[in-house]
Amino acid sequence: VHLNELKNEKVAITNINITDISKEVVSTLISDVINMPNSLTESLSDVVYKKTGGNVLFVIQFLNSICDEGLLFYSFDDKGWKWDVDAIEAKEIPDEVGVLLSRKIRQ
């Protein structure tokens, strides 16, 4: 169903404007999620911000995506989170949040 079809059916639609978050907020989010200090997650935060532009939906889905692909994982041997910055940097992501979300839904 497309948005225009819903509007034609007089379905109540609420638009929610979500602004991009800053690099510092991305860093704090990642540090909080994986329970590590910002100083240790800087390389991950930098690449996530660069890839997502601070779009909060992209950030969340991108983090889920790199976890699903094993690029961000918890090491039981080291008792901490690990990531492959080079592989994450090389990862291509779609230009639109909708494309990323639809891929996730299709999985």
PDB file of N, CA and C in Angstrom:
ATOM      1  N   VAL A   1       0.855  -1.172   0.000  1.00  0.00           N
ATOM      2  CA  VAL A   1       0.000   0.000   0.000  1.00  0.00           C
ATOM      3  C   VAL A   1       0.903   1.239   0.000  1.00  0.00           C
ATOM      4  N   HIS A   2       0.551   2.183  -0.855  1.00  0.00           N
ATOM      5  CA  HIS A   2       1.317   3.414  -0.947  1.00  0.00           C
ATOM      6  C   HIS A   2       0.674   4.501  -0.101  1.00  0.00           C
ATOM      7  N   LEU A   3       1.456   5.461   0.294  1.00  0.00           N
ATOM      8  CA  LEU A   3       0.985   6.557   1.130  1.00  0.00           C
ATOM      9  C   LEU A   3      -0.162   7.311   0.477  1.00  0.00           C
ATOM     10  N   ASN A   4      -0.073   7.544  -0.815  1.00  0.00           N
ATOM     11  CA  ASN A   4      -1.152   8.264  -1.518  1.00  0.00           C
ATOM     12  C   ASN A   4      -2.463   7.495  -1.471  1.00  0.00           C
ATOM     13  N   GLU A   5      -2.389   6.177  -1.573  1.00  0.00           N
ATOM     14  CA  GLU A   5      -3.605   5.362  -1.490  1.00  0.00           C
ATOM     15  C   GLU A   5      -4.254   5.499  -0.123  1.00  0.00           C
ATOM     16  N   LEU A   6      -3.430   5.532   0.910  1.00  0.00           N
ATOM     17  CA  LEU A   6      -3.966   5.701   2.263  1.00  0.00           C
ATOM     18  C   LEU A   6      -4.617   7.070   2.422  1.00  0.00           C
ATOM     19  N   LYS A   7      -3.977   8.077   1.869  1.00  0.00           N
ATOM     20  CA  LYS A   7      -4.546   9.430   1.938  1.00  0.00           C
ATOM     21  C   LYS A   7      -5.885   9.479   1.214  1.00  0.00           C
ATOM     22  N   ASN A   8      -5.974   8.824   0.070  1.00  0.00           N
ATOM     23  CA  ASN A   8      -7.233   8.786  -0.691  1.00  0.00           C
ATOM     24  C   ASN A   8      -8.341   8.081   0.083  1.00  0.00           C
ATOM     25  N   GLU A   9      -7.974   7.144   0.933  1.00  0.00           N
ATOM     26  CA  GLU A   9      -8.951   6.417   1.736  1.00  0.00           C
ATOM     27  C   GLU A   9      -9.281   7.173   3.029  1.00  0.00           C
ATOM     28  N   LYS A  10      -8.716   8.368   3.169  1.00  0.00           N
ATOM     29  CA  LYS A  10      -8.950   9.226   4.335  1.00  0.00           C
ATOM     30  C   LYS A  10      -8.469   8.582   5.636  1.00  0.00           C
ATOM     31  N   VAL A  11      -7.376   7.835   5.539  1.00  0.00           N
ATOM     32  CA  VAL A  11      -6.759   7.255   6.716  1.00  0.00           C
ATOM     33  C   VAL A  11      -5.956   8.352   7.407  1.00  0.00           C
ATOM     34  N   ALA A  12      -6.093   8.447   8.716  1.00  0.00           N
ATOM     35  CA  ALA A  12      -5.346   9.458   9.469  1.00  0.00           C
ATOM     36  C   ALA A  12      -3.861   9.124   9.421  1.00  0.00           C
ATOM     37  N   ILE A  13      -3.082  10.081   8.976  1.00  0.00           N
ATOM     38  CA  ILE A  13      -1.637   9.905   8.848  1.00  0.00           C
ATOM     39  C   ILE A  13      -0.954  11.002   9.647  1.00  0.00           C
ATOM     40  N   THR A  14       0.010  10.602  10.447  1.00  0.00           N
ATOM     41  CA  THR A  14       0.787  11.561  11.217  1.00  0.00           C
ATOM     42  C   THR A  14       2.217  11.536  10.703  1.00  0.00           C
ATOM     43  N   ASN A  15       2.708  12.672  10.279  1.00  0.00           N
ATOM     44  CA  ASN A  15       4.093  12.786   9.841  1.00  0.00           C
ATOM     45  C   ASN A  15       4.970  13.072  11.046  1.00  0.00           C
ATOM     46  N   ILE A  16       6.067  12.368  11.124  1.00  0.00           N
ATOM     47  CA  ILE A  16       7.027  12.584  12.196  1.00  0.00           C
ATOM     48  C   ILE A  16       8.345  12.965  11.551  1.00  0.00           C
ATOM     49  N   ASN A  17       8.818  14.149  11.852  1.00  0.00           N
ATOM     50  CA  ASN A  17      10.099  14.604  11.315  1.00  0.00           C
ATOM     51  C   ASN A  17      11.209  14.224  12.287  1.00  0.00           C
ATOM     52  N   ILE A  18      12.155  13.474  11.773  1.00  0.00           N
ATOM     53  CA  ILE A  18      13.289  13.045  12.580  1.00  0.00           C
ATOM     54  C   ILE A  18      14.534  13.680  11.992  1.00  0.00           C
ATOM     55  N   THR A  19      15.220  14.462  12.796  1.00  0.00           N
ATOM     56  CA  THR A  19      16.432  15.107  12.317  1.00  0.00           C
ATOM     57  C   THR A  19      17.638  14.196  12.541  1.00  0.00           C
ATOM     58  N   ASP A  20      18.694  14.475  11.818  1.00  0.00           N
ATOM     59  CA  ASP A  20      19.929  13.716  11.986  1.00  0.00           C
ATOM     60  C   ASP A  20      20.524  13.986  13.362  1.00  0.00           C
ATOM     61  N   ILE A  21      21.256  12.993  13.863  1.00  0.00           N
ATOM     62  CA  ILE A  21      21.926  13.165  15.145  1.00  0.00           C
ATOM     63  C   ILE A  21      23.402  13.462  14.896  1.00  0.00           C
ATOM     64  N   SER A  22      24.023  14.127  15.844  1.00  0.00           N
ATOM     65  CA  SER A  22      25.418  14.544  15.697  1.00  0.00           C
ATOM     66  C   SER A  22      26.366  13.349  15.849  1.00  0.00           C
ATOM     67  N   LYS A  23      27.598  13.562  15.454  1.00  0.00           N
ATOM     68  CA  LYS A  23      28.626  12.538  15.587  1.00  0.00           C
ATOM     69  C   LYS A  23      28.812  12.150  17.056  1.00  0.00           C
ATOM     70  N   GLU A  24      28.705  13.135  17.934  1.00  0.00           N
ATOM     71  CA  GLU A  24      28.853  12.877  19.363  1.00  0.00           C
ATOM     72  C   GLU A  24      27.718  11.996  19.889  1.00  0.00           C
ATOM     73  N   VAL A  25      26.506  12.237  19.397  1.00  0.00           N
ATOM     74  CA  VAL A  25      25.360  11.430  19.827  1.00  0.00           C
ATOM     75  C   VAL A  25      25.485  10.007  19.283  1.00  0.00           C
ATOM     76  N   VAL A  26      25.944   9.858  18.048  1.00  0.00           N
ATOM     77  CA  VAL A  26      26.189   8.521  17.489  1.00  0.00           C
ATOM     78  C   VAL A  26      27.205   7.793  18.360  1.00  0.00           C
ATOM     79  N   SER A  27      28.264   8.482  18.734  1.00  0.00           N
ATOM     80  CA  SER A  27      29.300   7.896  19.575  1.00  0.00           C
ATOM     81  C   SER A  27      28.741   7.460  20.929  1.00  0.00           C
ATOM     82  N   THR A  28      27.934   8.317  21.531  1.00  0.00           N
ATOM     83  CA  THR A  28      27.325   7.990  22.824  1.00  0.00           C
ATOM     84  C   THR A  28      26.373   6.815  22.690  1.00  0.00           C
ATOM     85  N   LEU A  29      25.578   6.804  21.629  1.00  0.00           N
ATOM     86  CA  LEU A  29      24.635   5.707  21.389  1.00  0.00           C
ATOM     87  C   LEU A  29      25.378   4.381  21.288  1.00  0.00           C
ATOM     88  N   ILE A  30      26.415   4.354  20.469  1.00  0.00           N
ATOM     89  CA  ILE A  30      27.178   3.114  20.281  1.00  0.00           C
ATOM     90  C   ILE A  30      27.842   2.694  21.579  1.00  0.00           C
ATOM     91  N   SER A  31      28.430   3.618  22.281  1.00  0.00           N
ATOM     92  CA  SER A  31      29.084   3.307  23.555  1.00  0.00           C
ATOM     93  C   SER A  31      28.089   2.746  24.562  1.00  0.00           C
ATOM     94  N   ASP A  32      26.903   3.325  24.607  1.00  0.00           N
ATOM     95  CA  ASP A  32      25.864   2.836  25.519  1.00  0.00           C
ATOM     96  C   ASP A  32      25.377   1.447  25.122  1.00  0.00           C
ATOM     97  N   VAL A  33      25.180   1.241  23.822  1.00  0.00           N
ATOM     98  CA  VAL A  33      24.649  -0.043  23.345  1.00  0.00           C
ATOM     99  C   VAL A  33      25.617  -1.185  23.632  1.00  0.00           C
ATOM    100  N   ILE A  34      26.899  -0.961  23.393  1.00  0.00           N
ATOM    101  CA  ILE A  34      27.860  -2.055  23.605  1.00  0.00           C
ATOM    102  C   ILE A  34      28.607  -1.939  24.939  1.00  0.00           C
ATOM    103  N   ASN A  35      28.192  -0.978  25.752  1.00  0.00           N
ATOM    104  CA  ASN A  35      28.719  -0.828  27.111  1.00  0.00           C
ATOM    105  C   ASN A  35      30.247  -0.716  27.148  1.00  0.00           C
ATOM    106  N   MET A  36      30.742   0.207  26.329  1.00  0.00           N
ATOM    107  CA  MET A  36      32.177   0.490  26.297  1.00  0.00           C
ATOM    108  C   MET A  36      32.357   2.004  26.316  1.00  0.00           C
ATOM    109  N   PRO A  37      33.465   2.487  26.852  1.00  0.00           N
ATOM    110  CA  PRO A  37      33.706   3.938  26.860  1.00  0.00           C
ATOM    111  C   PRO A  37      33.865   4.490  25.439  1.00  0.00           C
ATOM    112  N   ASN A  38      33.462   5.750  25.264  1.00  0.00           N
ATOM    113  CA  ASN A  38      33.580   6.419  23.958  1.00  0.00           C
ATOM    114  C   ASN A  38      34.989   6.322  23.392  1.00  0.00           C
ATOM    115  N   SER A  39      35.974   6.417  24.256  1.00  0.00           N
ATOM    116  CA  SER A  39      37.361   6.404  23.784  1.00  0.00           C
ATOM    117  C   SER A  39      37.721   5.093  23.095  1.00  0.00           C
ATOM    118  N   LEU A  40      37.060   4.006  23.476  1.00  0.00           N
ATOM    119  CA  LEU A  40      37.345   2.706  22.870  1.00  0.00           C
ATOM    120  C   LEU A  40      36.492   2.423  21.641  1.00  0.00           C
ATOM    121  N   THR A  41      35.415   3.170  21.468  1.00  0.00           N
ATOM    122  CA  THR A  41      34.524   2.928  20.328  1.00  0.00           C
ATOM    123  C   THR A  41      34.677   3.980  19.234  1.00  0.00           C
ATOM    124  N   GLU A  42      35.656   4.836  19.370  1.00  0.00           N
ATOM    125  CA  GLU A  42      35.809   5.948  18.428  1.00  0.00           C
ATOM    126  C   GLU A  42      35.931   5.487  16.980  1.00  0.00           C
ATOM    127  N   SER A  43      36.710   4.444  16.731  1.00  0.00           N
ATOM    128  CA  SER A  43      36.885   3.987  15.340  1.00  0.00           C
ATOM    129  C   SER A  43      35.559   3.483  14.767  1.00  0.00           C
ATOM    130  N   LEU A  44      34.787   2.769  15.570  1.00  0.00           N
ATOM    131  CA  LEU A  44      33.486   2.280  15.126  1.00  0.00           C
ATOM    132  C   LEU A  44      32.507   3.429  14.940  1.00  0.00           C
ATOM    133  N   SER A  45      32.460   4.326  15.895  1.00  0.00           N
ATOM    134  CA  SER A  45      31.553   5.475  15.819  1.00  0.00           C
ATOM    135  C   SER A  45      31.843   6.340  14.594  1.00  0.00           C
ATOM    136  N   ASP A  46      33.125   6.551  14.329  1.00  0.00           N
ATOM    137  CA  ASP A  46      33.510   7.375  13.173  1.00  0.00           C
ATOM    138  C   ASP A  46      32.996   6.784  11.869  1.00  0.00           C
ATOM    139  N   VAL A  47      33.188   5.491  11.680  1.00  0.00           N
ATOM    140  CA  VAL A  47      32.772   4.875  10.420  1.00  0.00           C
ATOM    141  C   VAL A  47      31.243   4.784  10.338  1.00  0.00           C
ATOM    142  N   VAL A  48      30.574   4.524  11.459  1.00  0.00           N
ATOM    143  CA  VAL A  48      29.103   4.459  11.438  1.00  0.00           C
ATOM    144  C   VAL A  48      28.538   5.831  11.102  1.00  0.00           C
ATOM    145  N   TYR A  49      29.095   6.872  11.691  1.00  0.00           N
ATOM    146  CA  TYR A  49      28.606   8.223  11.391  1.00  0.00           C
ATOM    147  C   TYR A  49      28.862   8.573   9.924  1.00  0.00           C
ATOM    148  N   LYS A  50      30.052   8.234   9.457  1.00  0.00           N
ATOM    149  CA  LYS A  50      30.407   8.524   8.063  1.00  0.00           C
ATOM    150  C   LYS A  50      29.462   7.807   7.092  1.00  0.00           C
ATOM    151  N   LYS A  51      29.119   6.555   7.393  1.00  0.00           N
ATOM    152  CA  LYS A  51      28.274   5.762   6.500  1.00  0.00           C
ATOM    153  C   LYS A  51      26.808   6.172   6.560  1.00  0.00           C
ATOM    154  N   THR A  52      26.363   6.689   7.716  1.00  0.00           N
ATOM    155  CA  THR A  52      24.935   6.968   7.902  1.00  0.00           C
ATOM    156  C   THR A  52      24.585   8.443   7.866  1.00  0.00           C
ATOM    157  N   GLY A  53      25.583   9.298   7.981  1.00  0.00           N
ATOM    158  CA  GLY A  53      25.328  10.734   8.006  1.00  0.00           C
ATOM    159  C   GLY A  53      24.547  11.178   9.227  1.00  0.00           C
ATOM    160  N   GLY A  54      24.471  10.321  10.242  1.00  0.00           N
ATOM    161  CA  GLY A  54      23.754  10.686  11.454  1.00  0.00           C
ATOM    162  C   GLY A  54      22.253  10.466  11.371  1.00  0.00           C
ATOM    163  N   ASN A  55      21.781   9.856  10.289  1.00  0.00           N
ATOM    164  CA  ASN A  55      20.356   9.536  10.181  1.00  0.00           C
ATOM    165  C   ASN A  55      20.075   8.418  11.187  1.00  0.00           C
ATOM    166  N   VAL A  56      19.264   8.720  12.184  1.00  0.00           N
ATOM    167  CA  VAL A  56      19.081   7.800  13.306  1.00  0.00           C
ATOM    168  C   VAL A  56      18.535   6.442  12.859  1.00  0.00           C
ATOM    169  N   LEU A  57      17.650   6.415  11.879  1.00  0.00           N
ATOM    170  CA  LEU A  57      17.145   5.131  11.383  1.00  0.00           C
ATOM    171  C   LEU A  57      18.251   4.341  10.702  1.00  0.00           C
ATOM    172  N   PHE A  58      19.084   5.037   9.931  1.00  0.00           N
ATOM    173  CA  PHE A  58      20.233   4.394   9.297  1.00  0.00           C
ATOM    174  C   PHE A  58      21.189   3.850  10.349  1.00  0.00           C
ATOM    175  N   VAL A  59      21.464   4.644  11.372  1.00  0.00           N
ATOM    176  CA  VAL A  59      22.406   4.230  12.417  1.00  0.00           C
ATOM    177  C   VAL A  59      21.949   2.912  13.037  1.00  0.00           C
ATOM    178  N   ILE A  60      20.697   2.860  13.444  1.00  0.00           N
ATOM    179  CA  ILE A  60      20.169   1.664  14.101  1.00  0.00           C
ATOM    180  C   ILE A  60      20.195   0.460  13.160  1.00  0.00           C
ATOM    181  N   GLN A  61      19.707   0.649  11.937  1.00  0.00           N
ATOM    182  CA  GLN A  61      19.685  -0.462  10.986  1.00  0.00           C
ATOM    183  C   GLN A  61      21.091  -0.875  10.558  1.00  0.00           C
ATOM    184  N   PHE A  62      21.977   0.105  10.431  1.00  0.00           N
ATOM    185  CA  PHE A  62      23.351  -0.213  10.045  1.00  0.00           C
ATOM    186  C   PHE A  62      24.029  -1.028  11.142  1.00  0.00           C
ATOM    187  N   LEU A  63      23.821  -0.659  12.399  1.00  0.00           N
ATOM    188  CA  LEU A  63      24.389  -1.432  13.504  1.00  0.00           C
ATOM    189  C   LEU A  63      23.828  -2.857  13.511  1.00  0.00           C
ATOM    190  N   ASN A  64      22.529  -2.987  13.305  1.00  0.00           N
ATOM    191  CA  ASN A  64      21.927  -4.327  13.211  1.00  0.00           C
ATOM    192  C   ASN A  64      22.537  -5.116  12.059  1.00  0.00           C
ATOM    193  N   SER A  65      22.722  -4.454  10.935  1.00  0.00           N
ATOM    194  CA  SER A  65      23.259  -5.098   9.744  1.00  0.00           C
ATOM    195  C   SER A  65      24.683  -5.605   9.975  1.00  0.00           C
ATOM    196  N   ILE A  66      25.535  -4.769  10.569  1.00  0.00           N
ATOM    197  CA  ILE A  66      26.926  -5.207  10.767  1.00  0.00           C
ATOM    198  C   ILE A  66      27.014  -6.297  11.843  1.00  0.00           C
ATOM    199  N   CYS A  67      26.073  -6.308  12.779  1.00  0.00           N
ATOM    200  CA  CYS A  67      26.011  -7.418  13.747  1.00  0.00           C
ATOM    201  C   CYS A  67      25.597  -8.701  13.038  1.00  0.00           C
ATOM    202  N   ASP A  68      24.551  -8.605  12.224  1.00  0.00           N
ATOM    203  CA  ASP A  68      24.056  -9.773  11.488  1.00  0.00           C
ATOM    204  C   ASP A  68      25.131 -10.369  10.593  1.00  0.00           C
ATOM    205  N   GLU A  69      25.992  -9.513  10.051  1.00  0.00           N
ATOM    206  CA  GLU A  69      27.044  -9.965   9.132  1.00  0.00           C
ATOM    207  C   GLU A  69      28.332 -10.357   9.849  1.00  0.00           C
ATOM    208  N   GLY A  70      28.344 -10.245  11.175  1.00  0.00           N
ATOM    209  CA  GLY A  70      29.527 -10.632  11.940  1.00  0.00           C
ATOM    210  C   GLY A  70      30.653  -9.616  11.906  1.00  0.00           C
ATOM    211  N   LEU A  71      30.353  -8.400  11.459  1.00  0.00           N
ATOM    212  CA  LEU A  71      31.379  -7.354  11.427  1.00  0.00           C
ATOM    213  C   LEU A  71      31.495  -6.644  12.778  1.00  0.00           C
ATOM    214  N   LEU A  72      30.473  -6.776  13.588  1.00  0.00           N
ATOM    215  CA  LEU A  72      30.450  -6.303  14.972  1.00  0.00           C
ATOM    216  C   LEU A  72      29.957  -7.484  15.790  1.00  0.00           C
ATOM    217  N   PHE A  73      30.776  -7.949  16.732  1.00  0.00           N
ATOM    218  CA  PHE A  73      30.426  -9.158  17.466  1.00  0.00           C
ATOM    219  C   PHE A  73      31.024  -9.128  18.870  1.00  0.00           C
ATOM    220  N   TYR A  74      30.424  -9.912  19.744  1.00  0.00           N
ATOM    221  CA  TYR A  74      30.942 -10.041  21.106  1.00  0.00           C
ATOM    222  C   TYR A  74      31.891 -11.222  21.154  1.00  0.00           C
ATOM    223  N   SER A  75      33.095 -10.965  21.650  1.00  0.00           N
ATOM    224  CA  SER A  75      34.102 -12.019  21.787  1.00  0.00           C
ATOM    225  C   SER A  75      34.069 -12.534  23.225  1.00  0.00           C
ATOM    226  N   PHE A  76      33.658 -13.780  23.382  1.00  0.00           N
ATOM    227  CA  PHE A  76      33.645 -14.381  24.715  1.00  0.00           C
ATOM    228  C   PHE A  76      35.063 -14.599  25.228  1.00  0.00           C
ATOM    229  N   ASP A  77      36.011 -14.858  24.313  1.00  0.00           N
ATOM    230  CA  ASP A  77      37.404 -15.039  24.715  1.00  0.00           C
ATOM    231  C   ASP A  77      37.971 -13.752  25.311  1.00  0.00           C
ATOM    232  N   ASP A  78      37.683 -12.632  24.651  1.00  0.00           N
ATOM    233  CA  ASP A  78      38.211 -11.340  25.109  1.00  0.00           C
ATOM    234  C   ASP A  78      37.255 -10.611  26.055  1.00  0.00           C
ATOM    235  N   LYS A  79      36.053 -11.166  26.204  1.00  0.00           N
ATOM    236  CA  LYS A  79      35.019 -10.562  27.061  1.00  0.00           C
ATOM    237  C   LYS A  79      34.745  -9.106  26.678  1.00  0.00           C
ATOM    238  N   GLY A  80      34.594  -8.901  25.384  1.00  0.00           N
ATOM    239  CA  GLY A  80      34.316  -7.558  24.895  1.00  0.00           C
ATOM    240  C   GLY A  80      33.904  -7.571  23.436  1.00  0.00           C
ATOM    241  N   TRP A  81      33.428  -6.426  22.988  1.00  0.00           N
ATOM    242  CA  TRP A  81      32.982  -6.265  21.605  1.00  0.00           C
ATOM    243  C   TRP A  81      34.164  -6.033  20.693  1.00  0.00           C
ATOM    244  N   LYS A  82      34.081  -6.587  19.503  1.00  0.00           N
ATOM    245  CA  LYS A  82      35.104  -6.446  18.467  1.00  0.00           C
ATOM    246  C   LYS A  82      34.422  -6.039  17.168  1.00  0.00           C
ATOM    247  N   TRP A  83      35.163  -5.368  16.309  1.00  0.00           N
ATOM    248  CA  TRP A  83      34.635  -4.997  15.007  1.00  0.00           C
ATOM    249  C   TRP A  83      35.758  -4.901  14.004  1.00  0.00           C
ATOM    250  N   ASP A  84      35.376  -5.031  12.748  1.00  0.00           N
ATOM    251  CA  ASP A  84      36.317  -4.957  11.639  1.00  0.00           C
ATOM    252  C   ASP A  84      36.066  -3.643  10.901  1.00  0.00           C
ATOM    253  N   VAL A  85      36.837  -2.615  11.264  1.00  0.00           N
ATOM    254  CA  VAL A  85      36.637  -1.279  10.712  1.00  0.00           C
ATOM    255  C   VAL A  85      36.791  -1.276   9.199  1.00  0.00           C
ATOM    256  N   ASP A  86      37.773  -1.984   8.672  1.00  0.00           N
ATOM    257  CA  ASP A  86      38.000  -1.993   7.226  1.00  0.00           C
ATOM    258  C   ASP A  86      36.810  -2.604   6.481  1.00  0.00           C
ATOM    259  N   ALA A  87      36.284  -3.707   6.993  1.00  0.00           N
ATOM    260  CA  ALA A  87      35.133  -4.345   6.352  1.00  0.00           C
ATOM    261  C   ALA A  87      33.886  -3.471   6.476  1.00  0.00           C
ATOM    262  N   ILE A  88      33.720  -2.825   7.618  1.00  0.00           N
ATOM    263  CA  ILE A  88      32.574  -1.930   7.806  1.00  0.00           C
ATOM    264  C   ILE A  88      32.698  -0.736   6.873  1.00  0.00           C
ATOM    265  N   GLU A  89      33.888  -0.216   6.750  1.00  0.00           N
ATOM    266  CA  GLU A  89      34.152   0.921   5.857  1.00  0.00           C
ATOM    267  C   GLU A  89      33.832   0.539   4.412  1.00  0.00           C
ATOM    268  N   ALA A  90      34.152  -0.688   4.028  1.00  0.00           N
ATOM    269  CA  ALA A  90      33.933  -1.145   2.649  1.00  0.00           C
ATOM    270  C   ALA A  90      32.476  -1.492   2.375  1.00  0.00           C
ATOM    271  N   LYS A  91      31.698  -1.663   3.418  1.00  0.00           N
ATOM    272  CA  LYS A  91      30.294  -2.062   3.253  1.00  0.00           C
ATOM    273  C   LYS A  91      29.511  -0.962   2.555  1.00  0.00           C
ATOM    274  N   GLU A  92      28.784  -1.361   1.521  1.00  0.00           N
ATOM    275  CA  GLU A  92      27.946  -0.401   0.810  1.00  0.00           C
ATOM    276  C   GLU A  92      26.571  -0.391   1.437  1.00  0.00           C
ATOM    277  N   ILE A  93      26.006   0.797   1.557  1.00  0.00           N
ATOM    278  CA  ILE A  93      24.648   0.907   2.070  1.00  0.00           C
ATOM    279  C   ILE A  93      23.821   1.708   1.083  1.00  0.00           C
ATOM    280  N   PRO A  94      22.529   1.411   1.005  1.00  0.00           N
ATOM    281  CA  PRO A  94      21.664   2.156   0.085  1.00  0.00           C
ATOM    282  C   PRO A  94      21.531   3.616   0.495  1.00  0.00           C
ATOM    283  N   ASP A  95      21.145   4.448  -0.463  1.00  0.00           N
ATOM    284  CA  ASP A  95      20.996   5.878  -0.215  1.00  0.00           C
ATOM    285  C   ASP A  95      19.744   6.220   0.583  1.00  0.00           C
ATOM    286  N   GLU A  96      18.787   5.328   0.617  1.00  0.00           N
ATOM    287  CA  GLU A  96      17.531   5.650   1.275  1.00  0.00           C
ATOM    288  C   GLU A  96      17.252   4.697   2.421  1.00  0.00           C
ATOM    289  N   VAL A  97      16.733   5.239   3.500  1.00  0.00           N
ATOM    290  CA  VAL A  97      16.378   4.432   4.657  1.00  0.00           C
ATOM    291  C   VAL A  97      15.360   3.368   4.264  1.00  0.00           C
ATOM    292  N   GLY A  98      14.402   3.723   3.429  1.00  0.00           N
ATOM    293  CA  GLY A  98      13.366   2.786   3.014  1.00  0.00           C
ATOM    294  C   GLY A  98      13.931   1.547   2.357  1.00  0.00           C
ATOM    295  N   VAL A  99      14.952   1.715   1.548  1.00  0.00           N
ATOM    296  CA  VAL A  99      15.579   0.569   0.875  1.00  0.00           C
ATOM    297  C   VAL A  99      16.233  -0.334   1.920  1.00  0.00           C
ATOM    298  N   LEU A 100      16.931   0.258   2.868  1.00  0.00           N
ATOM    299  CA  LEU A 100      17.584  -0.509   3.907  1.00  0.00           C
ATOM    300  C   LEU A 100      16.560  -1.264   4.754  1.00  0.00           C
ATOM    301  N   LEU A 101      15.476  -0.593   5.111  1.00  0.00           N
ATOM    302  CA  LEU A 101      14.438  -1.226   5.920  1.00  0.00           C
ATOM    303  C   LEU A 101      13.722  -2.332   5.145  1.00  0.00           C
ATOM    304  N   SER A 102      13.464  -2.107   3.870  1.00  0.00           N
ATOM    305  CA  SER A 102      12.772  -3.141   3.082  1.00  0.00           C
ATOM    306  C   SER A 102      13.644  -4.368   2.921  1.00  0.00           C
ATOM    307  N   ARG A 103      14.951  -4.191   2.799  1.00  0.00           N
ATOM    308  CA  ARG A 103      15.851  -5.346   2.729  1.00  0.00           C
ATOM    309  C   ARG A 103      15.785  -6.146   4.030  1.00  0.00           C
ATOM    310  N   LYS A 104      15.739  -5.425   5.139  1.00  0.00           N
ATOM    311  CA  LYS A 104      15.669  -6.085   6.444  1.00  0.00           C
ATOM    312  C   LYS A 104      14.368  -6.873   6.569  1.00  0.00           C
ATOM    313  N   ILE A 105      13.280  -6.304   6.127  1.00  0.00           N
ATOM    314  CA  ILE A 105      11.980  -6.971   6.208  1.00  0.00           C
ATOM    315  C   ILE A 105      11.968  -8.235   5.348  1.00  0.00           C
ATOM    316  N   ARG A 106      12.596  -8.179   4.186  1.00  0.00           N
ATOM    317  CA  ARG A 106      12.611  -9.329   3.271  1.00  0.00           C
ATOM    318  C   ARG A 106      13.440 -10.489   3.791  1.00  0.00           C
ATOM    319  N   GLN A 107      14.354 -10.237   4.723  1.00  0.00           N
ATOM    320  CA  GLN A 107      15.210 -11.295   5.244  1.00  0.00           C
ATOM    321  C   GLN A 107      14.431 -12.249   6.019  1.00  0.00           C
TER     322      GLN A 107
END
